[in-house]
Amino acid sequence: MAELKFHPIRHSHKEFLAKATTRKGFVEAYDALSLEYQVANQMLKARTRAGLTQSAVAERMGTTKSAVSRLESAGKHAPSLETIKRYAQAVGCELQVKLIQKIT
């Protein structure tokens, strides 16, 4: 049987964005998902600070690793506040939501 070797692929989000922003319609689509990207980023940072894997978070939430992966994927899934609350609790955080008046 052939031996498979893992070779991680280097990824730079800044480089990705620099290249992607040249594509027609990308900026508008990216901006439309701004809030989702912010939430996903906060979730990933919280999990990292807690030193947990997706599997560990899933176990604490009583769900699957793939469900946690979907939660952390901006724009692909719109989780309920209850689900985000459970995620926050699993990574040792408290969920806070603010409505901030727009300045016009």
N, C-alpha and C. Protein backbone atom coordinates (compact mmCIF):
# COMPACT_ATOMS: atom_id res chain seq x y z
N MET A 1 0.85 -1.18 0.00
CA MET A 1 0.00 0.00 0.00
C MET A 1 0.89 1.24 0.00
N ALA A 2 0.53 2.21 -0.81
CA ALA A 2 1.31 3.44 -0.92
C ALA A 2 1.17 4.27 0.36
N GLU A 3 2.28 4.86 0.76
CA GLU A 3 2.28 5.70 1.95
C GLU A 3 1.87 7.12 1.57
N LEU A 4 0.90 7.66 2.29
CA LEU A 4 0.46 9.03 2.05
C LEU A 4 1.16 9.94 3.04
N LYS A 5 1.67 11.03 2.54
CA LYS A 5 2.33 12.00 3.41
C LYS A 5 1.54 13.29 3.38
N PHE A 6 1.36 13.86 4.55
CA PHE A 6 0.62 15.12 4.67
C PHE A 6 1.57 16.27 4.43
N HIS A 7 1.18 17.14 3.51
CA HIS A 7 1.96 18.35 3.23
C HIS A 7 1.02 19.53 3.36
N PRO A 8 1.09 20.25 4.49
CA PRO A 8 0.18 21.39 4.68
C PRO A 8 0.39 22.45 3.62
N ILE A 9 -0.69 23.08 3.24
CA ILE A 9 -0.64 24.15 2.24
C ILE A 9 -0.65 25.47 2.98
N ARG A 10 0.32 26.31 2.69
CA ARG A 10 0.41 27.62 3.31
C ARG A 10 -0.74 28.48 2.81
N HIS A 11 -1.40 29.18 3.73
CA HIS A 11 -2.51 30.04 3.35
C HIS A 11 -2.35 31.39 4.02
N SER A 12 -2.41 32.44 3.22
CA SER A 12 -2.39 33.79 3.76
C SER A 12 -3.70 34.46 3.38
N HIS A 13 -4.47 34.81 4.40
CA HIS A 13 -5.77 35.44 4.13
C HIS A 13 -5.58 36.79 3.43
N LYS A 14 -4.55 37.52 3.82
CA LYS A 14 -4.29 38.82 3.19
C LYS A 14 -3.98 38.66 1.71
N GLU A 15 -3.17 37.65 1.37
CA GLU A 15 -2.86 37.39 -0.04
C GLU A 15 -4.11 36.96 -0.80
N PHE A 16 -4.92 36.11 -0.17
CA PHE A 16 -6.16 35.67 -0.78
C PHE A 16 -7.05 36.86 -1.11
N LEU A 17 -7.24 37.76 -0.12
CA LEU A 17 -8.09 38.92 -0.33
C LEU A 17 -7.53 39.83 -1.42
N ALA A 18 -6.24 40.03 -1.43
CA ALA A 18 -5.63 40.90 -2.44
C ALA A 18 -5.92 40.37 -3.84
N LYS A 19 -5.83 39.08 -4.02
CA LYS A 19 -6.09 38.47 -5.33
C LYS A 19 -7.59 38.44 -5.63
N ALA A 20 -8.39 38.07 -4.63
CA ALA A 20 -9.83 37.91 -4.82
C ALA A 20 -10.52 39.24 -5.12
N THR A 21 -10.05 40.33 -4.55
CA THR A 21 -10.71 41.63 -4.75
C THR A 21 -10.61 42.11 -6.19
N THR A 22 -9.78 41.49 -6.99
CA THR A 22 -9.69 41.87 -8.40
C THR A 22 -10.81 41.23 -9.23
N ARG A 23 -11.48 40.23 -8.66
CA ARG A 23 -12.57 39.56 -9.39
C ARG A 23 -13.84 40.39 -9.31
N LYS A 24 -14.56 40.45 -10.42
CA LYS A 24 -15.80 41.22 -10.50
C LYS A 24 -16.83 40.69 -9.51
N GLY A 25 -17.41 41.60 -8.73
CA GLY A 25 -18.47 41.26 -7.79
C GLY A 25 -18.00 40.74 -6.44
N PHE A 26 -16.69 40.47 -6.31
CA PHE A 26 -16.21 39.90 -5.04
C PHE A 26 -16.39 40.86 -3.88
N VAL A 27 -16.00 42.11 -4.05
CA VAL A 27 -16.05 43.08 -2.95
C VAL A 27 -17.47 43.23 -2.43
N GLU A 28 -18.44 43.32 -3.33
CA GLU A 28 -19.84 43.46 -2.92
C GLU A 28 -20.30 42.23 -2.15
N ALA A 29 -19.95 41.05 -2.65
CA ALA A 29 -20.36 39.80 -1.99
C ALA A 29 -19.68 39.66 -0.62
N TYR A 30 -18.41 40.02 -0.56
CA TYR A 30 -17.65 39.93 0.69
C TYR A 30 -18.22 40.90 1.72
N ASP A 31 -18.50 42.13 1.28
CA ASP A 31 -19.06 43.14 2.18
C ASP A 31 -20.44 42.74 2.71
N ALA A 32 -21.22 42.07 1.86
CA ALA A 32 -22.55 41.64 2.26
C ALA A 32 -22.50 40.60 3.38
N LEU A 33 -21.39 39.89 3.50
CA LEU A 33 -21.23 38.87 4.54
C LEU A 33 -20.35 39.36 5.70
N SER A 34 -20.15 40.65 5.79
CA SER A 34 -19.26 41.22 6.80
C SER A 34 -19.60 40.77 8.22
N LEU A 35 -20.85 40.85 8.60
CA LEU A 35 -21.25 40.46 9.95
C LEU A 35 -20.99 38.98 10.20
N GLU A 36 -21.31 38.14 9.22
CA GLU A 36 -21.07 36.71 9.36
C GLU A 36 -19.59 36.41 9.54
N TYR A 37 -18.73 37.11 8.77
CA TYR A 37 -17.29 36.93 8.91
C TYR A 37 -16.81 37.37 10.29
N GLN A 38 -17.38 38.45 10.82
CA GLN A 38 -16.99 38.92 12.15
C GLN A 38 -17.36 37.90 13.22
N VAL A 39 -18.57 37.34 13.11
CA VAL A 39 -19.01 36.35 14.09
C VAL A 39 -18.12 35.10 14.01
N ALA A 40 -17.87 34.62 12.80
CA ALA A 40 -17.02 33.43 12.63
C ALA A 40 -15.63 33.69 13.18
N ASN A 41 -15.08 34.87 12.94
CA ASN A 41 -13.76 35.22 13.44
C ASN A 41 -13.74 35.21 14.97
N GLN A 42 -14.78 35.77 15.58
CA GLN A 42 -14.87 35.78 17.05
C GLN A 42 -14.94 34.35 17.59
N MET A 43 -15.70 33.50 16.92
CA MET A 43 -15.83 32.11 17.36
C MET A 43 -14.49 31.39 17.29
N LEU A 44 -13.78 31.57 16.19
CA LEU A 44 -12.48 30.91 16.04
C LEU A 44 -11.48 31.41 17.07
N LYS A 45 -11.47 32.71 17.33
CA LYS A 45 -10.56 33.26 18.33
C LYS A 45 -10.88 32.72 19.72
N ALA A 46 -12.16 32.62 20.05
CA ALA A 46 -12.57 32.11 21.36
C ALA A 46 -12.16 30.65 21.52
N ARG A 47 -12.35 29.86 20.47
CA ARG A 47 -11.98 28.43 20.55
C ARG A 47 -10.47 28.30 20.69
N THR A 48 -9.73 29.13 19.96
CA THR A 48 -8.27 29.09 20.04
C THR A 48 -7.79 29.47 21.44
N ARG A 49 -8.38 30.56 21.99
CA ARG A 49 -8.01 30.98 23.35
C ARG A 49 -8.29 29.87 24.37
N ALA A 50 -9.37 29.14 24.15
CA ALA A 50 -9.74 28.06 25.06
C ALA A 50 -8.87 26.82 24.85
N GLY A 51 -8.12 26.81 23.75
CA GLY A 51 -7.24 25.67 23.46
C GLY A 51 -8.01 24.41 23.10
N LEU A 52 -9.15 24.59 22.45
CA LEU A 52 -10.02 23.46 22.12
C LEU A 52 -10.03 23.16 20.63
N THR A 53 -10.22 21.90 20.31
CA THR A 53 -10.42 21.49 18.92
C THR A 53 -11.91 21.56 18.61
N GLN A 54 -12.25 21.47 17.33
CA GLN A 54 -13.66 21.42 16.96
C GLN A 54 -14.33 20.20 17.58
N SER A 55 -13.62 19.10 17.65
CA SER A 55 -14.18 17.89 18.25
C SER A 55 -14.50 18.09 19.72
N ALA A 56 -13.61 18.78 20.45
CA ALA A 56 -13.83 19.03 21.87
C ALA A 56 -15.04 19.94 22.08
N VAL A 57 -15.15 20.96 21.23
CA VAL A 57 -16.31 21.88 21.33
C VAL A 57 -17.59 21.11 21.02
N ALA A 58 -17.53 20.27 20.00
CA ALA A 58 -18.71 19.47 19.62
C ALA A 58 -19.15 18.59 20.78
N GLU A 59 -18.21 17.96 21.45
CA GLU A 59 -18.54 17.10 22.58
C GLU A 59 -19.20 17.91 23.69
N ARG A 60 -18.67 19.08 23.98
CA ARG A 60 -19.24 19.93 25.03
C ARG A 60 -20.63 20.43 24.66
N MET A 61 -20.87 20.62 23.35
CA MET A 61 -22.19 21.10 22.89
C MET A 61 -23.18 19.97 22.68
N GLY A 62 -22.68 18.74 22.66
CA GLY A 62 -23.55 17.60 22.39
C GLY A 62 -23.92 17.52 20.92
N THR A 63 -22.95 17.83 20.05
CA THR A 63 -23.19 17.79 18.60
C THR A 63 -21.99 17.15 17.92
N THR A 64 -21.88 17.31 16.62
CA THR A 64 -20.80 16.69 15.87
C THR A 64 -19.74 17.72 15.47
N LYS A 65 -18.56 17.23 15.15
CA LYS A 65 -17.47 18.09 14.69
C LYS A 65 -17.89 18.81 13.41
N SER A 66 -18.58 18.13 12.52
CA SER A 66 -19.00 18.76 11.26
C SER A 66 -19.98 19.90 11.52
N ALA A 67 -20.82 19.77 12.55
CA ALA A 67 -21.76 20.85 12.90
C ALA A 67 -20.98 22.07 13.39
N VAL A 68 -19.95 21.85 14.19
CA VAL A 68 -19.11 22.95 14.68
C VAL A 68 -18.38 23.59 13.51
N SER A 69 -17.91 22.79 12.59
CA SER A 69 -17.24 23.31 11.40
C SER A 69 -18.17 24.22 10.61
N ARG A 70 -19.42 23.81 10.46
CA ARG A 70 -20.41 24.65 9.76
C ARG A 70 -20.65 25.95 10.51
N LEU A 71 -20.70 25.89 11.84
CA LEU A 71 -20.91 27.10 12.64
C LEU A 71 -19.78 28.11 12.41
N GLU A 72 -18.57 27.59 12.25
CA GLU A 72 -17.40 28.46 12.10
C GLU A 72 -17.17 28.90 10.66
N SER A 73 -18.03 28.49 9.75
CA SER A 73 -17.90 28.85 8.33
C SER A 73 -18.85 30.00 8.02
N ALA A 74 -18.29 31.16 7.81
CA ALA A 74 -19.10 32.36 7.55
C ALA A 74 -19.87 32.23 6.25
N GLY A 75 -21.14 32.61 6.30
CA GLY A 75 -21.95 32.69 5.10
C GLY A 75 -22.59 31.41 4.65
N LYS A 76 -22.14 30.27 5.15
CA LYS A 76 -22.71 29.00 4.71
C LYS A 76 -23.85 28.54 5.59
N HIS A 77 -23.93 29.07 6.79
CA HIS A 77 -24.91 28.60 7.75
C HIS A 77 -25.30 29.77 8.64
N ALA A 78 -26.57 29.89 8.93
CA ALA A 78 -27.05 30.97 9.80
C ALA A 78 -27.54 30.35 11.11
N PRO A 79 -26.65 30.20 12.10
CA PRO A 79 -27.04 29.56 13.35
C PRO A 79 -27.96 30.44 14.18
N SER A 80 -28.78 29.81 15.00
CA SER A 80 -29.66 30.55 15.89
C SER A 80 -28.85 31.14 17.03
N LEU A 81 -29.43 32.12 17.71
CA LEU A 81 -28.76 32.69 18.88
C LEU A 81 -28.54 31.63 19.95
N GLU A 82 -29.49 30.73 20.09
CA GLU A 82 -29.36 29.66 21.07
C GLU A 82 -28.14 28.79 20.77
N THR A 83 -27.92 28.48 19.51
CA THR A 83 -26.76 27.68 19.12
C THR A 83 -25.47 28.43 19.38
N ILE A 84 -25.44 29.71 19.05
CA ILE A 84 -24.23 30.51 19.31
C ILE A 84 -23.99 30.61 20.81
N LYS A 85 -25.06 30.70 21.60
CA LYS A 85 -24.93 30.72 23.06
C LYS A 85 -24.31 29.42 23.57
N ARG A 86 -24.75 28.30 23.04
CA ARG A 86 -24.19 27.00 23.43
C ARG A 86 -22.72 26.91 23.04
N TYR A 87 -22.38 27.42 21.87
CA TYR A 87 -20.99 27.43 21.42
C TYR A 87 -20.16 28.28 22.38
N ALA A 88 -20.65 29.49 22.69
CA ALA A 88 -19.92 30.39 23.59
C ALA A 88 -19.69 29.71 24.93
N GLN A 89 -20.69 29.06 25.46
CA GLN A 89 -20.57 28.37 26.74
C GLN A 89 -19.53 27.25 26.64
N ALA A 90 -19.52 26.54 25.52
CA ALA A 90 -18.58 25.42 25.33
C ALA A 90 -17.13 25.89 25.30
N VAL A 91 -16.90 27.12 24.85
CA VAL A 91 -15.51 27.64 24.78
C VAL A 91 -15.20 28.57 25.95
N GLY A 92 -16.08 28.58 26.96
CA GLY A 92 -15.83 29.36 28.16
C GLY A 92 -16.10 30.84 28.02
N CYS A 93 -17.05 31.19 27.18
CA CYS A 93 -17.38 32.60 26.95
C CYS A 93 -18.85 32.87 27.26
N GLU A 94 -19.18 34.13 27.26
CA GLU A 94 -20.56 34.60 27.41
C GLU A 94 -20.91 35.35 26.14
N LEU A 95 -22.08 35.09 25.60
CA LEU A 95 -22.52 35.79 24.39
C LEU A 95 -23.15 37.11 24.77
N GLN A 96 -22.72 38.18 24.10
CA GLN A 96 -23.32 39.49 24.28
C GLN A 96 -23.72 40.00 22.90
N VAL A 97 -24.91 40.59 22.82
CA VAL A 97 -25.41 41.13 21.56
C VAL A 97 -25.75 42.59 21.78
N LYS A 98 -25.33 43.44 20.86
CA LYS A 98 -25.62 44.87 20.96
C LYS A 98 -26.28 45.35 19.68
N LEU A 99 -27.25 46.20 19.83
CA LEU A 99 -27.82 46.92 18.69
C LEU A 99 -27.31 48.35 18.80
N ILE A 100 -26.57 48.79 17.81
CA ILE A 100 -25.96 50.10 17.85
C ILE A 100 -26.63 50.98 16.79
N GLN A 101 -27.09 52.13 17.22
CA GLN A 101 -27.78 53.05 16.32
C GLN A 101 -26.83 53.53 15.22
N LYS A 102 -27.33 53.49 13.99
CA LYS A 102 -26.55 53.97 12.86
C LYS A 102 -26.44 55.48 12.92
N ILE A 103 -25.30 55.98 12.54
CA ILE A 103 -25.11 57.43 12.43
C ILE A 103 -25.37 57.81 10.99
N THR A 104 -26.36 58.66 10.80
CA THR A 104 -26.71 59.06 9.41
C THR A 104 -26.39 60.50 9.15
